[in-house]
Amino acid sequence: MEENKSRIILEDYKNDFIYEKNKSNLNINFNRISFIFFIFFLISLIYIIHLIHLGSRKNSNLEQNLSNAFRKELYRADIVDRNGRYLAKTVSSIDIGINPVEIIDQKKLLVNLKLIFPNKNFNEVKKLIKKNKFFWLEKKISEEDYERIMKLGDKSIKPEEKITRLYP
């Protein structure tokens, strides 16, 4: 019986049966994470360099010509015969109207309009404002006056651009 006892040898291995359960059940190595980060970093670096390059470029004449073309959406060319005489001429005019319902400060608006249109009778304008109905303040104004009126920034001022054909 002693021989049987000597044949059985029990060894204690603590490290062989250690099992740690992963809570998230994801098996992602550090190499994969670093690879994904590196790819993301390269793509973002390429976009940043491209944006800096585009931001530092100067406008070319082509881009300026395109921007001018978009500003004149309603422009129509004049019609000319073989001798250079006009058959039809395009005339652009701007009319300015006022909606009294949207006036914020009536006194300030009237003072500013008196500076732009000194020859206008503003007693009639005050009467029209009291009626609370839309009215046309001035028709066929110049570009300079139009710019000055738009710089006032009053939402009650409504411009309307008209393009008409004149036939001789």
N, C-alpha and C. Protein backbone atom coordinates (compact mmCIF):
# COMPACT_ATOMS: atom_id res chain seq x y z
N MET A 1 0.80 -1.17 0.00
CA MET A 1 0.00 0.00 0.00
C MET A 1 0.86 1.25 0.00
N GLU A 2 1.97 1.12 0.57
CA GLU A 2 2.87 2.25 0.56
C GLU A 2 3.38 2.53 -0.82
N GLU A 3 3.46 1.53 -1.61
CA GLU A 3 3.92 1.73 -2.97
C GLU A 3 2.90 2.54 -3.78
N ASN A 4 1.60 2.27 -3.53
CA ASN A 4 0.56 3.01 -4.22
C ASN A 4 0.57 4.49 -3.83
N LYS A 5 0.89 4.74 -2.56
CA LYS A 5 0.91 6.12 -2.10
C LYS A 5 2.07 6.86 -2.72
N SER A 6 3.12 6.20 -2.95
CA SER A 6 4.28 6.87 -3.49
C SER A 6 4.13 7.15 -4.98
N ARG A 7 3.29 6.42 -5.64
CA ARG A 7 3.10 6.63 -7.07
C ARG A 7 2.26 7.87 -7.37
N ILE A 8 1.35 8.17 -6.56
CA ILE A 8 0.48 9.32 -6.80
C ILE A 8 1.18 10.55 -6.24
N ILE A 9 1.43 11.47 -7.13
CA ILE A 9 2.07 12.72 -6.72
C ILE A 9 1.11 13.85 -7.07
N LEU A 10 0.78 14.60 -6.10
CA LEU A 10 -0.09 15.74 -6.31
C LEU A 10 0.76 16.99 -6.31
N GLU A 11 0.59 17.76 -7.34
CA GLU A 11 1.31 19.02 -7.41
C GLU A 11 0.28 20.15 -7.44
N ASP A 12 0.61 21.17 -6.79
CA ASP A 12 -0.33 22.28 -6.68
C ASP A 12 0.10 23.38 -7.65
N TYR A 13 -0.70 23.56 -8.68
CA TYR A 13 -0.46 24.64 -9.64
C TYR A 13 -1.57 25.68 -9.47
N LYS A 14 -1.22 26.81 -8.94
CA LYS A 14 -2.22 27.84 -8.72
C LYS A 14 -2.49 28.65 -9.99
N ASN A 15 -1.52 28.77 -10.82
CA ASN A 15 -1.64 29.65 -11.98
C ASN A 15 -2.34 28.99 -13.17
N ASP A 16 -2.45 27.75 -13.22
CA ASP A 16 -3.04 27.08 -14.38
C ASP A 16 -4.55 27.28 -14.47
N PHE A 17 -5.24 27.40 -13.38
CA PHE A 17 -6.68 27.45 -13.41
C PHE A 17 -7.27 28.82 -13.06
N ILE A 18 -6.48 29.86 -13.22
CA ILE A 18 -7.00 31.19 -12.97
C ILE A 18 -7.79 31.64 -14.20
N TYR A 19 -9.02 32.05 -14.00
CA TYR A 19 -9.88 32.48 -15.10
C TYR A 19 -10.56 33.77 -14.68
N GLU A 20 -10.29 34.83 -15.42
CA GLU A 20 -10.93 36.10 -15.14
C GLU A 20 -11.98 36.34 -16.21
N LYS A 21 -13.16 36.64 -15.79
CA LYS A 21 -14.25 36.85 -16.73
C LYS A 21 -14.26 38.33 -17.13
N ASN A 22 -14.32 38.56 -18.44
CA ASN A 22 -14.36 39.93 -18.96
C ASN A 22 -15.80 40.42 -18.87
N LYS A 23 -16.01 41.60 -18.24
CA LYS A 23 -17.37 42.09 -18.01
C LYS A 23 -18.05 42.54 -19.30
N SER A 24 -17.29 43.11 -20.21
CA SER A 24 -17.91 43.64 -21.42
C SER A 24 -17.93 42.63 -22.56
N ASN A 25 -17.31 41.51 -22.41
CA ASN A 25 -17.24 40.47 -23.43
C ASN A 25 -16.62 40.97 -24.74
N LEU A 26 -15.80 42.00 -24.66
CA LEU A 26 -15.10 42.50 -25.84
C LEU A 26 -13.64 42.13 -25.73
N ASN A 27 -13.14 41.62 -26.81
CA ASN A 27 -11.75 41.23 -26.82
C ASN A 27 -11.01 42.14 -27.80
N ILE A 28 -10.64 43.33 -27.35
CA ILE A 28 -9.96 44.29 -28.21
C ILE A 28 -8.54 44.46 -27.69
N ASN A 29 -7.64 44.24 -28.56
CA ASN A 29 -6.24 44.39 -28.17
C ASN A 29 -5.82 45.84 -28.25
N PHE A 30 -4.78 46.19 -27.59
CA PHE A 30 -4.25 47.55 -27.62
C PHE A 30 -3.76 47.90 -29.02
N ASN A 31 -3.28 46.95 -29.78
CA ASN A 31 -2.78 47.21 -31.14
C ASN A 31 -3.91 47.69 -32.05
N ARG A 32 -5.08 47.14 -31.92
CA ARG A 32 -6.22 47.56 -32.75
C ARG A 32 -6.64 48.99 -32.40
N ILE A 33 -6.68 49.29 -31.12
CA ILE A 33 -7.07 50.63 -30.69
C ILE A 33 -6.07 51.66 -31.17
N SER A 34 -4.80 51.36 -31.06
CA SER A 34 -3.78 52.30 -31.51
C SER A 34 -3.81 52.47 -33.03
N PHE A 35 -4.13 51.41 -33.76
CA PHE A 35 -4.23 51.50 -35.22
C PHE A 35 -5.40 52.40 -35.63
N ILE A 36 -6.54 52.22 -34.98
CA ILE A 36 -7.72 53.04 -35.29
C ILE A 36 -7.44 54.50 -34.95
N PHE A 37 -6.81 54.75 -33.82
CA PHE A 37 -6.47 56.12 -33.45
C PHE A 37 -5.50 56.73 -34.45
N PHE A 38 -4.54 55.98 -34.90
CA PHE A 38 -3.57 56.48 -35.87
C PHE A 38 -4.26 56.83 -37.20
N ILE A 39 -5.16 55.99 -37.67
CA ILE A 39 -5.89 56.27 -38.91
C ILE A 39 -6.75 57.53 -38.75
N PHE A 40 -7.46 57.64 -37.64
CA PHE A 40 -8.28 58.82 -37.38
C PHE A 40 -7.41 60.07 -37.33
N PHE A 41 -6.28 59.98 -36.69
CA PHE A 41 -5.37 61.12 -36.59
C PHE A 41 -4.86 61.53 -37.97
N LEU A 42 -4.52 60.58 -38.83
CA LEU A 42 -4.04 60.91 -40.18
C LEU A 42 -5.14 61.58 -41.01
N ILE A 43 -6.35 61.07 -40.95
CA ILE A 43 -7.44 61.66 -41.72
C ILE A 43 -7.73 63.08 -41.25
N SER A 44 -7.76 63.30 -39.95
CA SER A 44 -8.01 64.66 -39.45
C SER A 44 -6.86 65.59 -39.79
N LEU A 45 -5.64 65.10 -39.78
CA LEU A 45 -4.49 65.92 -40.16
C LEU A 45 -4.56 66.32 -41.63
N ILE A 46 -4.99 65.42 -42.50
CA ILE A 46 -5.13 65.72 -43.92
C ILE A 46 -6.20 66.80 -44.13
N TYR A 47 -7.34 66.69 -43.44
CA TYR A 47 -8.38 67.71 -43.57
C TYR A 47 -7.93 69.07 -43.06
N ILE A 48 -7.21 69.10 -41.96
CA ILE A 48 -6.73 70.37 -41.41
C ILE A 48 -5.75 71.02 -42.37
N ILE A 49 -4.85 70.26 -42.94
CA ILE A 49 -3.90 70.82 -43.90
C ILE A 49 -4.63 71.34 -45.14
N HIS A 50 -5.64 70.62 -45.60
CA HIS A 50 -6.41 71.04 -46.77
C HIS A 50 -7.17 72.34 -46.47
N LEU A 51 -7.76 72.45 -45.29
CA LEU A 51 -8.48 73.67 -44.93
C LEU A 51 -7.54 74.86 -44.82
N ILE A 52 -6.37 74.67 -44.26
CA ILE A 52 -5.40 75.76 -44.17
C ILE A 52 -4.95 76.18 -45.56
N HIS A 53 -4.76 75.23 -46.44
CA HIS A 53 -4.36 75.54 -47.81
C HIS A 53 -5.45 76.35 -48.53
N LEU A 54 -6.71 75.93 -48.41
CA LEU A 54 -7.79 76.64 -49.07
C LEU A 54 -8.01 78.02 -48.47
N GLY A 55 -7.81 78.16 -47.19
CA GLY A 55 -7.99 79.45 -46.54
C GLY A 55 -6.91 80.45 -46.89
N SER A 56 -5.75 79.98 -47.27
CA SER A 56 -4.65 80.88 -47.57
C SER A 56 -4.60 81.29 -49.04
N ARG A 57 -5.43 80.70 -49.88
CA ARG A 57 -5.43 81.04 -51.30
C ARG A 57 -6.06 82.39 -51.54
N LYS A 58 -5.61 83.09 -52.56
CA LYS A 58 -6.21 84.37 -52.94
C LYS A 58 -7.32 84.11 -53.96
N ASN A 59 -8.28 85.03 -54.00
CA ASN A 59 -9.38 84.91 -54.97
C ASN A 59 -8.84 85.16 -56.37
N SER A 60 -9.26 84.34 -57.29
CA SER A 60 -8.86 84.54 -58.67
C SER A 60 -9.89 85.43 -59.36
N ASN A 61 -9.54 85.90 -60.53
CA ASN A 61 -10.46 86.76 -61.28
C ASN A 61 -11.73 86.01 -61.67
N LEU A 62 -11.61 84.71 -61.91
CA LEU A 62 -12.77 83.92 -62.28
C LEU A 62 -13.81 83.93 -61.16
N GLU A 63 -13.36 83.76 -59.92
CA GLU A 63 -14.29 83.76 -58.80
C GLU A 63 -14.93 85.12 -58.62
N GLN A 64 -14.17 86.19 -58.85
CA GLN A 64 -14.73 87.53 -58.73
C GLN A 64 -15.76 87.78 -59.82
N ASN A 65 -15.50 87.32 -61.02
CA ASN A 65 -16.47 87.49 -62.10
C ASN A 65 -17.75 86.70 -61.82
N LEU A 66 -17.61 85.52 -61.25
CA LEU A 66 -18.79 84.72 -60.92
C LEU A 66 -19.61 85.41 -59.83
N SER A 67 -18.94 86.00 -58.85
CA SER A 67 -19.68 86.67 -57.79
C SER A 67 -20.41 87.90 -58.33
N ASN A 68 -19.82 88.61 -59.28
CA ASN A 68 -20.51 89.75 -59.89
C ASN A 68 -21.71 89.29 -60.72
N ALA A 69 -21.60 88.15 -61.36
CA ALA A 69 -22.71 87.65 -62.16
C ALA A 69 -23.90 87.27 -61.28
N PHE A 70 -23.64 86.76 -60.09
CA PHE A 70 -24.74 86.38 -59.21
C PHE A 70 -25.40 87.61 -58.59
N ARG A 71 -24.72 88.71 -58.49
CA ARG A 71 -25.32 89.91 -57.92
C ARG A 71 -26.36 90.51 -58.87
N LYS A 72 -26.14 90.37 -60.16
CA LYS A 72 -27.05 90.96 -61.15
C LYS A 72 -27.94 89.87 -61.73
N GLU A 73 -28.78 89.31 -60.88
CA GLU A 73 -29.65 88.23 -61.33
C GLU A 73 -30.68 88.70 -62.35
N LEU A 74 -31.19 89.92 -62.17
CA LEU A 74 -32.27 90.39 -63.01
C LEU A 74 -31.79 91.21 -64.21
N TYR A 75 -30.49 91.22 -64.44
CA TYR A 75 -29.95 92.03 -65.51
C TYR A 75 -30.28 91.41 -66.86
N ARG A 76 -30.77 92.26 -67.78
CA ARG A 76 -31.04 91.84 -69.15
C ARG A 76 -30.26 92.75 -70.07
N ALA A 77 -29.66 92.18 -71.07
CA ALA A 77 -28.82 92.96 -71.98
C ALA A 77 -29.68 93.83 -72.90
N ASP A 78 -29.06 94.91 -73.37
CA ASP A 78 -29.73 95.79 -74.32
C ASP A 78 -29.74 95.13 -75.70
N ILE A 79 -30.75 95.47 -76.48
CA ILE A 79 -30.85 94.94 -77.84
C ILE A 79 -30.42 96.04 -78.79
N VAL A 80 -29.41 95.71 -79.61
CA VAL A 80 -28.81 96.71 -80.50
C VAL A 80 -28.87 96.16 -81.92
N ASP A 81 -29.12 97.05 -82.92
CA ASP A 81 -29.12 96.59 -84.31
C ASP A 81 -27.69 96.62 -84.87
N ARG A 82 -27.55 96.36 -86.18
CA ARG A 82 -26.23 96.28 -86.82
C ARG A 82 -25.48 97.60 -86.78
N ASN A 83 -26.19 98.68 -86.78
CA ASN A 83 -25.56 99.99 -86.80
C ASN A 83 -25.23 100.51 -85.41
N GLY A 84 -25.58 99.78 -84.38
CA GLY A 84 -25.28 100.20 -83.02
C GLY A 84 -26.37 101.01 -82.37
N ARG A 85 -27.52 101.13 -83.02
CA ARG A 85 -28.64 101.87 -82.44
C ARG A 85 -29.46 100.93 -81.55
N TYR A 86 -29.99 101.50 -80.46
CA TYR A 86 -30.77 100.69 -79.52
C TYR A 86 -32.14 100.39 -80.09
N LEU A 87 -32.48 99.10 -80.07
CA LEU A 87 -33.84 98.68 -80.38
C LEU A 87 -34.65 98.58 -79.09
N ALA A 88 -33.98 98.14 -78.04
CA ALA A 88 -34.61 98.07 -76.72
C ALA A 88 -33.52 98.26 -75.67
N LYS A 89 -33.82 99.06 -74.66
CA LYS A 89 -32.86 99.35 -73.60
C LYS A 89 -33.45 98.90 -72.28
N THR A 90 -32.61 98.26 -71.47
CA THR A 90 -33.04 97.81 -70.16
C THR A 90 -32.74 98.89 -69.14
N VAL A 91 -33.76 99.25 -68.37
CA VAL A 91 -33.62 100.28 -67.35
C VAL A 91 -34.00 99.67 -66.01
N SER A 92 -33.10 99.82 -65.05
CA SER A 92 -33.36 99.31 -63.70
C SER A 92 -33.77 100.47 -62.81
N SER A 93 -34.83 100.28 -62.08
CA SER A 93 -35.28 101.32 -61.14
C SER A 93 -35.65 100.66 -59.82
N ILE A 94 -35.49 101.43 -58.75
CA ILE A 94 -35.79 100.92 -57.42
C ILE A 94 -36.85 101.83 -56.80
N ASP A 95 -37.90 101.21 -56.29
CA ASP A 95 -38.96 101.92 -55.59
C ASP A 95 -38.87 101.58 -54.11
N ILE A 96 -39.10 102.59 -53.27
CA ILE A 96 -39.02 102.40 -51.82
C ILE A 96 -40.40 102.61 -51.23
N GLY A 97 -40.87 101.63 -50.48
CA GLY A 97 -42.15 101.72 -49.80
C GLY A 97 -41.96 101.62 -48.30
N ILE A 98 -42.96 102.06 -47.55
CA ILE A 98 -42.90 101.99 -46.09
C ILE A 98 -44.17 101.33 -45.58
N ASN A 99 -43.96 100.37 -44.68
CA ASN A 99 -45.06 99.70 -44.01
C ASN A 99 -45.15 100.27 -42.58
N PRO A 100 -46.11 101.14 -42.29
CA PRO A 100 -46.17 101.81 -40.98
C PRO A 100 -46.35 100.87 -39.80
N VAL A 101 -46.89 99.70 -40.03
CA VAL A 101 -47.11 98.75 -38.94
C VAL A 101 -45.76 98.29 -38.35
N GLU A 102 -44.72 98.24 -39.16
CA GLU A 102 -43.43 97.73 -38.73
C GLU A 102 -42.45 98.82 -38.28
N ILE A 103 -42.88 100.07 -38.21
CA ILE A 103 -41.99 101.15 -37.79
C ILE A 103 -41.70 101.02 -36.30
N ILE A 104 -40.41 101.07 -35.94
CA ILE A 104 -40.00 100.96 -34.55
C ILE A 104 -39.98 102.34 -33.89
N ASP A 105 -39.23 103.28 -34.50
CA ASP A 105 -39.12 104.63 -33.96
C ASP A 105 -39.46 105.61 -35.08
N GLN A 106 -40.65 106.17 -35.03
CA GLN A 106 -41.15 107.01 -36.12
C GLN A 106 -40.33 108.29 -36.25
N LYS A 107 -40.00 108.94 -35.15
CA LYS A 107 -39.26 110.21 -35.22
C LYS A 107 -37.88 110.01 -35.82
N LYS A 108 -37.20 108.97 -35.40
CA LYS A 108 -35.86 108.68 -35.92
C LYS A 108 -35.92 108.37 -37.41
N LEU A 109 -36.91 107.61 -37.83
CA LEU A 109 -37.07 107.28 -39.24
C LEU A 109 -37.31 108.53 -40.07
N LEU A 110 -38.18 109.42 -39.59
CA LEU A 110 -38.48 110.64 -40.35
C LEU A 110 -37.26 111.56 -40.44
N VAL A 111 -36.48 111.66 -39.37
CA VAL A 111 -35.27 112.50 -39.41
C VAL A 111 -34.27 111.94 -40.41
N ASN A 112 -34.09 110.64 -40.41
CA ASN A 112 -33.15 110.02 -41.36
C ASN A 112 -33.63 110.18 -42.80
N LEU A 113 -34.93 110.03 -43.03
CA LEU A 113 -35.46 110.19 -44.38
C LEU A 113 -35.37 111.64 -44.85
N LYS A 114 -35.50 112.60 -43.92
CA LYS A 114 -35.33 114.01 -44.30
C LYS A 114 -33.90 114.30 -44.74
N LEU A 115 -32.94 113.62 -44.13
CA LEU A 115 -31.55 113.80 -44.54
C LEU A 115 -31.30 113.22 -45.93
N ILE A 116 -31.96 112.13 -46.25
CA ILE A 116 -31.75 111.49 -47.56
C ILE A 116 -32.55 112.20 -48.64
N PHE A 117 -33.80 112.56 -48.35
CA PHE A 117 -34.67 113.24 -49.31
C PHE A 117 -35.03 114.63 -48.77
N PRO A 118 -34.17 115.63 -48.94
CA PRO A 118 -34.45 116.96 -48.36
C PRO A 118 -35.59 117.69 -49.05
N ASN A 119 -35.90 117.39 -50.30
CA ASN A 119 -36.94 118.11 -51.04
C ASN A 119 -38.34 117.50 -50.87
N LYS A 120 -38.46 116.44 -50.11
CA LYS A 120 -39.75 115.74 -49.95
C LYS A 120 -40.59 116.43 -48.88
N ASN A 121 -41.90 116.48 -49.09
CA ASN A 121 -42.83 117.04 -48.11
C ASN A 121 -43.18 115.95 -47.09
N PHE A 122 -42.65 116.07 -45.87
CA PHE A 122 -42.84 115.02 -44.87
C PHE A 122 -44.12 115.20 -44.04
N ASN A 123 -44.85 116.29 -44.25
CA ASN A 123 -46.18 116.40 -43.61
C ASN A 123 -47.13 115.37 -44.21
N GLU A 124 -47.04 115.17 -45.51
CA GLU A 124 -47.86 114.14 -46.18
C GLU A 124 -47.43 112.75 -45.74
N VAL A 125 -46.14 112.56 -45.55
CA VAL A 125 -45.64 111.25 -45.12
C VAL A 125 -46.17 110.93 -43.73
N LYS A 126 -46.19 111.92 -42.83
CA LYS A 126 -46.74 111.70 -41.49
C LYS A 126 -48.21 111.30 -41.55
N LYS A 127 -48.96 111.94 -42.44
CA LYS A 127 -50.38 111.60 -42.59
C LYS A 127 -50.55 110.17 -43.10
N LEU A 128 -49.70 109.78 -44.05
CA LEU A 128 -49.78 108.41 -44.58
C LEU A 128 -49.38 107.38 -43.52
N ILE A 129 -48.43 107.74 -42.67
CA ILE A 129 -48.02 106.81 -41.60
C ILE A 129 -49.16 106.62 -40.60
N LYS A 130 -49.91 107.68 -40.32
CA LYS A 130 -51.03 107.59 -39.37
C LYS A 130 -52.15 106.68 -39.88
N LYS A 131 -52.26 106.52 -41.19
CA LYS A 131 -53.29 105.65 -41.76
C LYS A 131 -52.98 104.17 -41.56
N ASN A 132 -51.72 103.84 -41.21
CA ASN A 132 -51.29 102.45 -40.99
C ASN A 132 -51.48 101.55 -42.20
N LYS A 133 -51.29 102.10 -43.39
CA LYS A 133 -51.34 101.31 -44.61
C LYS A 133 -50.05 101.51 -45.38
N PHE A 134 -49.67 100.46 -46.11
CA PHE A 134 -48.44 100.52 -46.89
C PHE A 134 -48.55 101.61 -47.95
N PHE A 135 -47.45 102.36 -48.16
CA PHE A 135 -47.42 103.38 -49.20
C PHE A 135 -46.02 103.45 -49.78
N TRP A 136 -45.96 103.99 -51.01
CA TRP A 136 -44.67 104.17 -51.69
C TRP A 136 -44.12 105.54 -51.31
N LEU A 137 -42.92 105.52 -50.75
CA LEU A 137 -42.27 106.77 -50.35
C LEU A 137 -41.66 107.47 -51.54
N GLU A 138 -40.91 106.74 -52.34
CA GLU A 138 -40.20 107.33 -53.48
C GLU A 138 -40.09 106.28 -54.57
N LYS A 139 -40.20 106.72 -55.80
CA LYS A 139 -40.07 105.81 -56.93
C LYS A 139 -38.87 106.23 -57.77
N LYS A 140 -38.22 105.24 -58.34
CA LYS A 140 -37.06 105.44 -59.22
C LYS A 140 -35.97 106.26 -58.54
N ILE A 141 -35.48 105.74 -57.42
CA ILE A 141 -34.42 106.43 -56.70
C ILE A 141 -33.06 105.99 -57.24
N SER A 142 -32.02 106.74 -56.92
CA SER A 142 -30.67 106.43 -57.39
C SER A 142 -30.06 105.33 -56.52
N GLU A 143 -28.96 104.77 -57.02
CA GLU A 143 -28.27 103.72 -56.28
C GLU A 143 -27.70 104.25 -54.97
N GLU A 144 -27.21 105.49 -54.98
CA GLU A 144 -26.63 106.07 -53.77
C GLU A 144 -27.69 106.24 -52.69
N ASP A 145 -28.86 106.75 -53.07
CA ASP A 145 -29.94 106.90 -52.11
C ASP A 145 -30.43 105.54 -51.60
N TYR A 146 -30.46 104.56 -52.49
CA TYR A 146 -30.87 103.22 -52.09
C TYR A 146 -29.92 102.66 -51.03
N GLU A 147 -28.62 102.82 -51.24
CA GLU A 147 -27.65 102.33 -50.27
C GLU A 147 -27.80 103.06 -48.94
N ARG A 148 -28.01 104.36 -48.98
CA ARG A 148 -28.17 105.12 -47.74
C ARG A 148 -29.43 104.70 -46.98
N ILE A 149 -30.51 104.42 -47.71
CA ILE A 149 -31.74 103.98 -47.06
C ILE A 149 -31.58 102.60 -46.44
N MET A 150 -30.90 101.71 -47.14
CA MET A 150 -30.71 100.36 -46.62
C MET A 150 -29.79 100.35 -45.40
N LYS A 151 -28.89 101.33 -45.31
CA LYS A 151 -28.01 101.42 -44.14
C LYS A 151 -28.76 101.85 -42.89
N LEU A 152 -29.96 102.40 -43.05
CA LEU A 152 -30.75 102.77 -41.88
C LEU A 152 -31.14 101.53 -41.07
N GLY A 153 -31.39 100.43 -41.77
CA GLY A 153 -31.68 99.17 -41.09
C GLY A 153 -33.07 99.07 -40.51
N ASP A 154 -33.98 99.90 -40.96
CA ASP A 154 -35.35 99.84 -40.45
C ASP A 154 -36.12 98.79 -41.24
N LYS A 155 -36.80 97.90 -40.52
CA LYS A 155 -37.50 96.81 -41.21
C LYS A 155 -38.79 97.27 -41.87
N SER A 156 -39.21 98.48 -41.61
CA SER A 156 -40.44 98.97 -42.24
C SER A 156 -40.19 99.43 -43.67
N ILE A 157 -38.95 99.63 -44.05
CA ILE A 157 -38.61 100.09 -45.41
C ILE A 157 -38.55 98.87 -46.32
N LYS A 158 -39.34 98.90 -47.38
CA LYS A 158 -39.42 97.77 -48.31
C LYS A 158 -38.99 98.22 -49.70
N PRO A 159 -37.82 97.75 -50.18
CA PRO A 159 -37.41 98.11 -51.54
C PRO A 159 -37.99 97.13 -52.56
N GLU A 160 -38.19 97.63 -53.77
CA GLU A 160 -38.64 96.78 -54.87
C GLU A 160 -37.88 97.20 -56.11
N GLU A 161 -37.12 96.25 -56.66
CA GLU A 161 -36.33 96.55 -57.85
C GLU A 161 -37.14 96.13 -59.07
N LYS A 162 -37.24 97.06 -60.02
CA LYS A 162 -37.98 96.79 -61.25
C LYS A 162 -37.04 96.94 -62.43
N ILE A 163 -37.16 96.02 -63.35
CA ILE A 163 -36.40 96.11 -64.59
C ILE A 163 -37.40 96.22 -65.72
N THR A 164 -37.29 97.28 -66.48
CA THR A 164 -38.24 97.52 -67.57
C THR A 164 -37.48 97.67 -68.88
N ARG A 165 -38.18 97.37 -69.95
CA ARG A 165 -37.65 97.52 -71.31
C ARG A 165 -38.20 98.79 -71.90
N LEU A 166 -37.33 99.62 -72.43
CA LEU A 166 -37.76 100.82 -73.16
C LEU A 166 -37.56 100.60 -74.64
N TYR A 167 -38.60 100.81 -75.40
CA TYR A 167 -38.52 100.66 -76.85
C TYR A 167 -38.65 102.05 -77.48
N PRO A 168 -37.69 102.44 -78.34
CA PRO A 168 -37.79 103.77 -78.96
C PRO A 168 -38.88 103.87 -79.99
